[in-house]
Amino acid sequence: MSNKAKRLLERVATWPDEDLEKLEDAARQIEAWRSGLYEASEEELRAIDEAIAELDQGQVATAEQVEAAFRSFRRA
């Protein structure tokens, strides 16, 4: 492990729980990327279910709604 990474992890130990949860999510995404396996979050699964339900009702998302959904997933 690099010295830069070690120093970062030392600082992480002082972060509040909310920030640690975000870091854990990011680390899971990196692991999924490295392994080639991806496991959708509960939020992503709900969004997919909602989109399917809307399609079943004949509703289609606008380009802006689709982009907004992708932006929210990129933050995770």
PDB file of N, CA and C in Angstrom:
ATOM      1  N   MET A   1       0.858  -1.179   0.000  1.00  0.00           N
ATOM      2  CA  MET A   1       0.000   0.000   0.000  1.00  0.00           C
ATOM      3  C   MET A   1       0.896   1.231   0.000  1.00  0.00           C
ATOM      4  N   SER A   2       0.506   2.210  -0.785  1.00  0.00           N
ATOM      5  CA  SER A   2       1.319   3.424  -0.889  1.00  0.00           C
ATOM      6  C   SER A   2       1.209   4.267   0.389  1.00  0.00           C
ATOM      7  N   ASN A   3       2.187   5.129   0.583  1.00  0.00           N
ATOM      8  CA  ASN A   3       2.154   6.035   1.738  1.00  0.00           C
ATOM      9  C   ASN A   3       0.963   6.974   1.666  1.00  0.00           C
ATOM     10  N   LYS A   4       0.629   7.392   0.445  1.00  0.00           N
ATOM     11  CA  LYS A   4      -0.516   8.290   0.256  1.00  0.00           C
ATOM     12  C   LYS A   4      -1.803   7.602   0.719  1.00  0.00           C
ATOM     13  N   ALA A   5      -1.973   6.330   0.359  1.00  0.00           N
ATOM     14  CA  ALA A   5      -3.167   5.579   0.758  1.00  0.00           C
ATOM     15  C   ALA A   5      -3.186   5.377   2.272  1.00  0.00           C
ATOM     16  N   LYS A   6      -2.037   5.098   2.861  1.00  0.00           N
ATOM     17  CA  LYS A   6      -1.968   4.913   4.321  1.00  0.00           C
ATOM     18  C   LYS A   6      -2.371   6.188   5.047  1.00  0.00           C
ATOM     19  N   ARG A   7      -1.887   7.328   4.580  1.00  0.00           N
ATOM     20  CA  ARG A   7      -2.243   8.604   5.222  1.00  0.00           C
ATOM     21  C   ARG A   7      -3.741   8.878   5.077  1.00  0.00           C
ATOM     22  N   LEU A   8      -4.276   8.563   3.925  1.00  0.00           N
ATOM     23  CA  LEU A   8      -5.714   8.754   3.722  1.00  0.00           C
ATOM     24  C   LEU A   8      -6.513   7.894   4.692  1.00  0.00           C
ATOM     25  N   LEU A   9      -6.143   6.637   4.831  1.00  0.00           N
ATOM     26  CA  LEU A   9      -6.867   5.746   5.743  1.00  0.00           C
ATOM     27  C   LEU A   9      -6.764   6.209   7.189  1.00  0.00           C
ATOM     28  N   GLU A  10      -5.659   6.807   7.558  1.00  0.00           N
ATOM     29  CA  GLU A  10      -5.539   7.367   8.913  1.00  0.00           C
ATOM     30  C   GLU A  10      -6.543   8.492   9.116  1.00  0.00           C
ATOM     31  N   ARG A  11      -6.725   9.331   8.099  1.00  0.00           N
ATOM     32  CA  ARG A  11      -7.699  10.425   8.204  1.00  0.00           C
ATOM     33  C   ARG A  11      -9.127   9.898   8.203  1.00  0.00           C
ATOM     34  N   VAL A  12      -9.358   8.833   7.444  1.00  0.00           N
ATOM     35  CA  VAL A  12     -10.703   8.250   7.360  1.00  0.00           C
ATOM     36  C   VAL A  12     -11.193   7.833   8.743  1.00  0.00           C
ATOM     37  N   ALA A  13     -10.292   7.403   9.588  1.00  0.00           N
ATOM     38  CA  ALA A  13     -10.672   6.951  10.933  1.00  0.00           C
ATOM     39  C   ALA A  13     -11.364   8.046  11.736  1.00  0.00           C
ATOM     40  N   THR A  14     -11.213   9.301  11.338  1.00  0.00           N
ATOM     41  CA  THR A  14     -11.834  10.413  12.072  1.00  0.00           C
ATOM     42  C   THR A  14     -13.153  10.872  11.458  1.00  0.00           C
ATOM     43  N   TRP A  15     -13.547  10.280  10.339  1.00  0.00           N
ATOM     44  CA  TRP A  15     -14.745  10.717   9.637  1.00  0.00           C
ATOM     45  C   TRP A  15     -16.010  10.303  10.386  1.00  0.00           C
ATOM     46  N   PRO A  16     -17.096  11.076  10.226  1.00  0.00           N
ATOM     47  CA  PRO A  16     -18.387  10.694  10.818  1.00  0.00           C
ATOM     48  C   PRO A  16     -18.980   9.483  10.091  1.00  0.00           C
ATOM     49  N   ASP A  17     -19.903   8.801  10.759  1.00  0.00           N
ATOM     50  CA  ASP A  17     -20.514   7.580  10.214  1.00  0.00           C
ATOM     51  C   ASP A  17     -21.122   7.794   8.828  1.00  0.00           C
ATOM     52  N   GLU A  18     -21.773   8.923   8.616  1.00  0.00           N
ATOM     53  CA  GLU A  18     -22.417   9.181   7.322  1.00  0.00           C
ATOM     54  C   GLU A  18     -21.386   9.158   6.193  1.00  0.00           C
ATOM     55  N   ASP A  19     -20.229   9.767   6.436  1.00  0.00           N
ATOM     56  CA  ASP A  19     -19.179   9.775   5.420  1.00  0.00           C
ATOM     57  C   ASP A  19     -18.568   8.391   5.243  1.00  0.00           C
ATOM     58  N   LEU A  20     -18.462   7.637   6.328  1.00  0.00           N
ATOM     59  CA  LEU A  20     -17.929   6.275   6.232  1.00  0.00           C
ATOM     60  C   LEU A  20     -18.842   5.391   5.396  1.00  0.00           C
ATOM     61  N   GLU A  21     -20.147   5.588   5.520  1.00  0.00           N
ATOM     62  CA  GLU A  21     -21.090   4.814   4.710  1.00  0.00           C
ATOM     63  C   GLU A  21     -20.892   5.110   3.229  1.00  0.00           C
ATOM     64  N   LYS A  22     -20.649   6.371   2.894  1.00  0.00           N
ATOM     65  CA  LYS A  22     -20.397   6.734   1.489  1.00  0.00           C
ATOM     66  C   LYS A  22     -19.105   6.094   0.989  1.00  0.00           C
ATOM     67  N   LEU A  23     -18.092   6.079   1.850  1.00  0.00           N
ATOM     68  CA  LEU A  23     -16.827   5.460   1.475  1.00  0.00           C
ATOM     69  C   LEU A  23     -17.005   3.955   1.272  1.00  0.00           C
ATOM     70  N   GLU A  24     -17.785   3.321   2.150  1.00  0.00           N
ATOM     71  CA  GLU A  24     -18.054   1.890   2.003  1.00  0.00           C
ATOM     72  C   GLU A  24     -18.764   1.603   0.680  1.00  0.00           C
ATOM     73  N   ASP A  25     -19.731   2.446   0.326  1.00  0.00           N
ATOM     74  CA  ASP A  25     -20.431   2.270  -0.952  1.00  0.00           C
ATOM     75  C   ASP A  25     -19.460   2.392  -2.122  1.00  0.00           C
ATOM     76  N   ALA A  26     -18.593   3.391  -2.051  1.00  0.00           N
ATOM     77  CA  ALA A  26     -17.614   3.588  -3.124  1.00  0.00           C
ATOM     78  C   ALA A  26     -16.667   2.391  -3.213  1.00  0.00           C
ATOM     79  N   ALA A  27     -16.241   1.889  -2.073  1.00  0.00           N
ATOM     80  CA  ALA A  27     -15.330   0.737  -2.066  1.00  0.00           C
ATOM     81  C   ALA A  27     -16.013  -0.494  -2.656  1.00  0.00           C
ATOM     82  N   ARG A  28     -17.294  -0.692  -2.340  1.00  0.00           N
ATOM     83  CA  ARG A  28     -18.032  -1.819  -2.923  1.00  0.00           C
ATOM     84  C   ARG A  28     -18.122  -1.691  -4.441  1.00  0.00           C
ATOM     85  N   GLN A  29     -18.325  -0.472  -4.921  1.00  0.00           N
ATOM     86  CA  GLN A  29     -18.389  -0.258  -6.368  1.00  0.00           C
ATOM     87  C   GLN A  29     -17.047  -0.566  -7.023  1.00  0.00           C
ATOM     88  N   ILE A  30     -15.968  -0.167  -6.382  1.00  0.00           N
ATOM     89  CA  ILE A  30     -14.638  -0.459  -6.934  1.00  0.00           C
ATOM     90  C   ILE A  30     -14.394  -1.962  -6.949  1.00  0.00           C
ATOM     91  N   GLU A  31     -14.754  -2.645  -5.870  1.00  0.00           N
ATOM     92  CA  GLU A  31     -14.593  -4.101  -5.833  1.00  0.00           C
ATOM     93  C   GLU A  31     -15.406  -4.775  -6.929  1.00  0.00           C
ATOM     94  N   ALA A  32     -16.626  -4.306  -7.128  1.00  0.00           N
ATOM     95  CA  ALA A  32     -17.476  -4.883  -8.172  1.00  0.00           C
ATOM     96  C   ALA A  32     -16.844  -4.659  -9.541  1.00  0.00           C
ATOM     97  N   TRP A  33     -16.326  -3.461  -9.768  1.00  0.00           N
ATOM     98  CA  TRP A  33     -15.670  -3.151 -11.035  1.00  0.00           C
ATOM     99  C   TRP A  33     -14.455  -4.052 -11.247  1.00  0.00           C
ATOM    100  N   ARG A  34     -13.666  -4.240 -10.192  1.00  0.00           N
ATOM    101  CA  ARG A  34     -12.455  -5.058 -10.311  1.00  0.00           C
ATOM    102  C   ARG A  34     -12.785  -6.528 -10.538  1.00  0.00           C
ATOM    103  N   SER A  35     -13.861  -7.007  -9.966  1.00  0.00           N
ATOM    104  CA  SER A  35     -14.216  -8.422 -10.080  1.00  0.00           C
ATOM    105  C   SER A  35     -15.057  -8.714 -11.322  1.00  0.00           C
ATOM    106  N   GLY A  36     -15.611  -7.671 -11.918  1.00  0.00           N
ATOM    107  CA  GLY A  36     -16.479  -7.870 -13.070  1.00  0.00           C
ATOM    108  C   GLY A  36     -17.907  -8.204 -12.671  1.00  0.00           C
ATOM    109  N   LEU A  37     -18.182  -8.238 -11.378  1.00  0.00           N
ATOM    110  CA  LEU A  37     -19.527  -8.516 -10.873  1.00  0.00           C
ATOM    111  C   LEU A  37     -20.107  -7.238 -10.291  1.00  0.00           C
ATOM    112  N   TYR A  38     -21.377  -7.002 -10.554  1.00  0.00           N
ATOM    113  CA  TYR A  38     -22.019  -5.813 -10.021  1.00  0.00           C
ATOM    114  C   TYR A  38     -23.288  -6.220  -9.304  1.00  0.00           C
ATOM    115  N   GLU A  39     -23.450  -5.702  -8.107  1.00  0.00           N
ATOM    116  CA  GLU A  39     -24.658  -5.963  -7.329  1.00  0.00           C
ATOM    117  C   GLU A  39     -25.363  -4.635  -7.104  1.00  0.00           C
ATOM    118  N   ALA A  40     -26.558  -4.512  -7.642  1.00  0.00           N
ATOM    119  CA  ALA A  40     -27.310  -3.268  -7.537  1.00  0.00           C
ATOM    120  C   ALA A  40     -27.693  -2.995  -6.085  1.00  0.00           C
ATOM    121  N   SER A  41     -27.704  -1.710  -5.738  1.00  0.00           N
ATOM    122  CA  SER A  41     -28.120  -1.304  -4.397  1.00  0.00           C
ATOM    123  C   SER A  41     -29.648  -1.372  -4.300  1.00  0.00           C
ATOM    124  N   GLU A  42     -30.148  -1.293  -3.083  1.00  0.00           N
ATOM    125  CA  GLU A  42     -31.602  -1.274  -2.890  1.00  0.00           C
ATOM    126  C   GLU A  42     -32.223  -0.083  -3.622  1.00  0.00           C
ATOM    127  N   GLU A  43     -31.545   1.056  -3.582  1.00  0.00           N
ATOM    128  CA  GLU A  43     -32.045   2.253  -4.260  1.00  0.00           C
ATOM    129  C   GLU A  43     -32.130   2.027  -5.762  1.00  0.00           C
ATOM    130  N   GLU A  44     -31.111   1.417  -6.331  1.00  0.00           N
ATOM    131  CA  GLU A  44     -31.112   1.145  -7.768  1.00  0.00           C
ATOM    132  C   GLU A  44     -32.210   0.152  -8.140  1.00  0.00           C
ATOM    133  N   LEU A  45     -32.381  -0.876  -7.329  1.00  0.00           N
ATOM    134  CA  LEU A  45     -33.425  -1.860  -7.605  1.00  0.00           C
ATOM    135  C   LEU A  45     -34.808  -1.233  -7.536  1.00  0.00           C
ATOM    136  N   ARG A  46     -35.030  -0.345  -6.559  1.00  0.00           N
ATOM    137  CA  ARG A  46     -36.315   0.356  -6.462  1.00  0.00           C
ATOM    138  C   ARG A  46     -36.552   1.214  -7.707  1.00  0.00           C
ATOM    139  N   ALA A  47     -35.506   1.911  -8.143  1.00  0.00           N
ATOM    140  CA  ALA A  47     -35.643   2.765  -9.333  1.00  0.00           C
ATOM    141  C   ALA A  47     -35.979   1.929 -10.560  1.00  0.00           C
ATOM    142  N   ILE A  48     -35.369   0.775 -10.677  1.00  0.00           N
ATOM    143  CA  ILE A  48     -35.666  -0.119 -11.800  1.00  0.00           C
ATOM    144  C   ILE A  48     -37.106  -0.602 -11.728  1.00  0.00           C
ATOM    145  N   ASP A  49     -37.531  -1.018 -10.535  1.00  0.00           N
ATOM    146  CA  ASP A  49     -38.918  -1.473 -10.354  1.00  0.00           C
ATOM    147  C   ASP A  49     -39.914  -0.371 -10.705  1.00  0.00           C
ATOM    148  N   GLU A  50     -39.621   0.855 -10.271  1.00  0.00           N
ATOM    149  CA  GLU A  50     -40.510   1.978 -10.570  1.00  0.00           C
ATOM    150  C   GLU A  50     -40.559   2.246 -12.074  1.00  0.00           C
ATOM    151  N   ALA A  51     -39.414   2.166 -12.725  1.00  0.00           N
ATOM    152  CA  ALA A  51     -39.376   2.404 -14.167  1.00  0.00           C
ATOM    153  C   ALA A  51     -40.178   1.343 -14.914  1.00  0.00           C
ATOM    154  N   ILE A  52     -40.055   0.101 -14.496  1.00  0.00           N
ATOM    155  CA  ILE A  52     -40.811  -0.980 -15.140  1.00  0.00           C
ATOM    156  C   ILE A  52     -42.310  -0.777 -14.927  1.00  0.00           C
ATOM    157  N   ALA A  53     -42.687  -0.381 -13.712  1.00  0.00           N
ATOM    158  CA  ALA A  53     -44.098  -0.137 -13.423  1.00  0.00           C
ATOM    159  C   ALA A  53     -44.636   0.994 -14.298  1.00  0.00           C
ATOM    160  N   GLU A  54     -43.847   2.042 -14.482  1.00  0.00           N
ATOM    161  CA  GLU A  54     -44.277   3.149 -15.333  1.00  0.00           C
ATOM    162  C   GLU A  54     -44.407   2.711 -16.784  1.00  0.00           C
ATOM    163  N   LEU A  55     -43.474   1.880 -17.249  1.00  0.00           N
ATOM    164  CA  LEU A  55     -43.571   1.371 -18.614  1.00  0.00           C
ATOM    165  C   LEU A  55     -44.821   0.514 -18.786  1.00  0.00           C
ATOM    166  N   ASP A  56     -45.118  -0.298 -17.764  1.00  0.00           N
ATOM    167  CA  ASP A  56     -46.314  -1.140 -17.823  1.00  0.00           C
ATOM    168  C   ASP A  56     -47.579  -0.301 -17.893  1.00  0.00           C
ATOM    169  N   GLN A  57     -47.505   0.915 -17.365  1.00  0.00           N
ATOM    170  CA  GLN A  57     -48.657   1.818 -17.388  1.00  0.00           C
ATOM    171  C   GLN A  57     -48.628   2.725 -18.625  1.00  0.00           C
ATOM    172  N   GLY A  58     -47.679   2.476 -19.521  1.00  0.00           N
ATOM    173  CA  GLY A  58     -47.603   3.259 -20.739  1.00  0.00           C
ATOM    174  C   GLY A  58     -46.867   4.573 -20.582  1.00  0.00           C
ATOM    175  N   GLN A  59     -46.195   4.778 -19.446  1.00  0.00           N
ATOM    176  CA  GLN A  59     -45.461   6.015 -19.230  1.00  0.00           C
ATOM    177  C   GLN A  59     -44.007   5.828 -19.667  1.00  0.00           C
ATOM    178  N   VAL A  60     -43.455   6.838 -20.257  1.00  0.00           N
ATOM    179  CA  VAL A  60     -42.074   6.794 -20.711  1.00  0.00           C
ATOM    180  C   VAL A  60     -41.339   7.985 -20.110  1.00  0.00           C
ATOM    181  N   ALA A  61     -40.124   7.745 -19.635  1.00  0.00           N
ATOM    182  CA  ALA A  61     -39.328   8.812 -19.040  1.00  0.00           C
ATOM    183  C   ALA A  61     -38.799   9.742 -20.131  1.00  0.00           C
ATOM    184  N   THR A  62     -38.682  11.012 -19.770  1.00  0.00           N
ATOM    185  CA  THR A  62     -38.062  11.971 -20.683  1.00  0.00           C
ATOM    186  C   THR A  62     -36.555  11.786 -20.636  1.00  0.00           C
ATOM    187  N   ALA A  63     -35.858  12.344 -21.606  1.00  0.00           N
ATOM    188  CA  ALA A  63     -34.393  12.276 -21.622  1.00  0.00           C
ATOM    189  C   ALA A  63     -33.816  12.911 -20.352  1.00  0.00           C
ATOM    190  N   GLU A  64     -34.430  13.987 -19.887  1.00  0.00           N
ATOM    191  CA  GLU A  64     -33.959  14.656 -18.667  1.00  0.00           C
ATOM    192  C   GLU A  64     -34.130  13.761 -17.448  1.00  0.00           C
ATOM    193  N   GLN A  65     -35.239  13.027 -17.368  1.00  0.00           N
ATOM    194  CA  GLN A  65     -35.455  12.118 -16.243  1.00  0.00           C
ATOM    195  C   GLN A  65     -34.445  10.975 -16.262  1.00  0.00           C
ATOM    196  N   VAL A  66     -34.153  10.473 -17.431  1.00  0.00           N
ATOM    197  CA  VAL A  66     -33.170   9.395 -17.546  1.00  0.00           C
ATOM    198  C   VAL A  66     -31.796   9.895 -17.101  1.00  0.00           C
ATOM    199  N   GLU A  67     -31.410  11.065 -17.560  1.00  0.00           N
ATOM    200  CA  GLU A  67     -30.110  11.630 -17.174  1.00  0.00           C
ATOM    201  C   GLU A  67     -30.057  11.878 -15.672  1.00  0.00           C
ATOM    202  N   ALA A  68     -31.145  12.360 -15.082  1.00  0.00           N
ATOM    203  CA  ALA A  68     -31.184  12.595 -13.638  1.00  0.00           C
ATOM    204  C   ALA A  68     -31.000  11.284 -12.872  1.00  0.00           C
ATOM    205  N   ALA A  69     -31.608  10.225 -13.358  1.00  0.00           N
ATOM    206  CA  ALA A  69     -31.456   8.924 -12.704  1.00  0.00           C
ATOM    207  C   ALA A  69     -30.001   8.465 -12.774  1.00  0.00           C
ATOM    208  N   PHE A  70     -29.377   8.590 -13.931  1.00  0.00           N
ATOM    209  CA  PHE A  70     -27.979   8.188 -14.062  1.00  0.00           C
ATOM    210  C   PHE A  70     -27.078   9.037 -13.175  1.00  0.00           C
ATOM    211  N   ARG A  71     -27.362  10.337 -13.072  1.00  0.00           N
ATOM    212  CA  ARG A  71     -26.545  11.197 -12.193  1.00  0.00           C
ATOM    213  C   ARG A  71     -26.644  10.720 -10.752  1.00  0.00           C
ATOM    214  N   SER A  72     -27.844  10.339 -10.311  1.00  0.00           N
ATOM    215  CA  SER A  72     -27.998   9.892  -8.921  1.00  0.00           C
ATOM    216  C   SER A  72     -27.238   8.606  -8.668  1.00  0.00           C
ATOM    217  N   PHE A  73     -27.146   7.717  -9.669  1.00  0.00           N
ATOM    218  CA  PHE A  73     -26.416   6.474  -9.490  1.00  0.00           C
ATOM    219  C   PHE A  73     -24.914   6.720  -9.466  1.00  0.00           C
ATOM    220  N   ARG A  74     -24.453   7.705 -10.191  1.00  0.00           N
ATOM    221  CA  ARG A  74     -23.015   8.002 -10.242  1.00  0.00           C
ATOM    222  C   ARG A  74     -22.518   8.516  -8.895  1.00  0.00           C
ATOM    223  N   ARG A  75     -23.382   9.136  -8.104  1.00  0.00           N
ATOM    224  CA  ARG A  75     -22.992   9.652  -6.797  1.00  0.00           C
ATOM    225  C   ARG A  75     -22.769   8.518  -5.817  1.00  0.00           C
ATOM    226  N   ALA A  76     -23.458   7.465  -5.934  1.00  0.00           N
ATOM    227  CA  ALA A  76     -23.372   6.414  -4.994  1.00  0.00           C
ATOM    228  C   ALA A  76     -22.109   5.747  -4.899  1.00  0.00           C
TER     229      ALA A  76
END
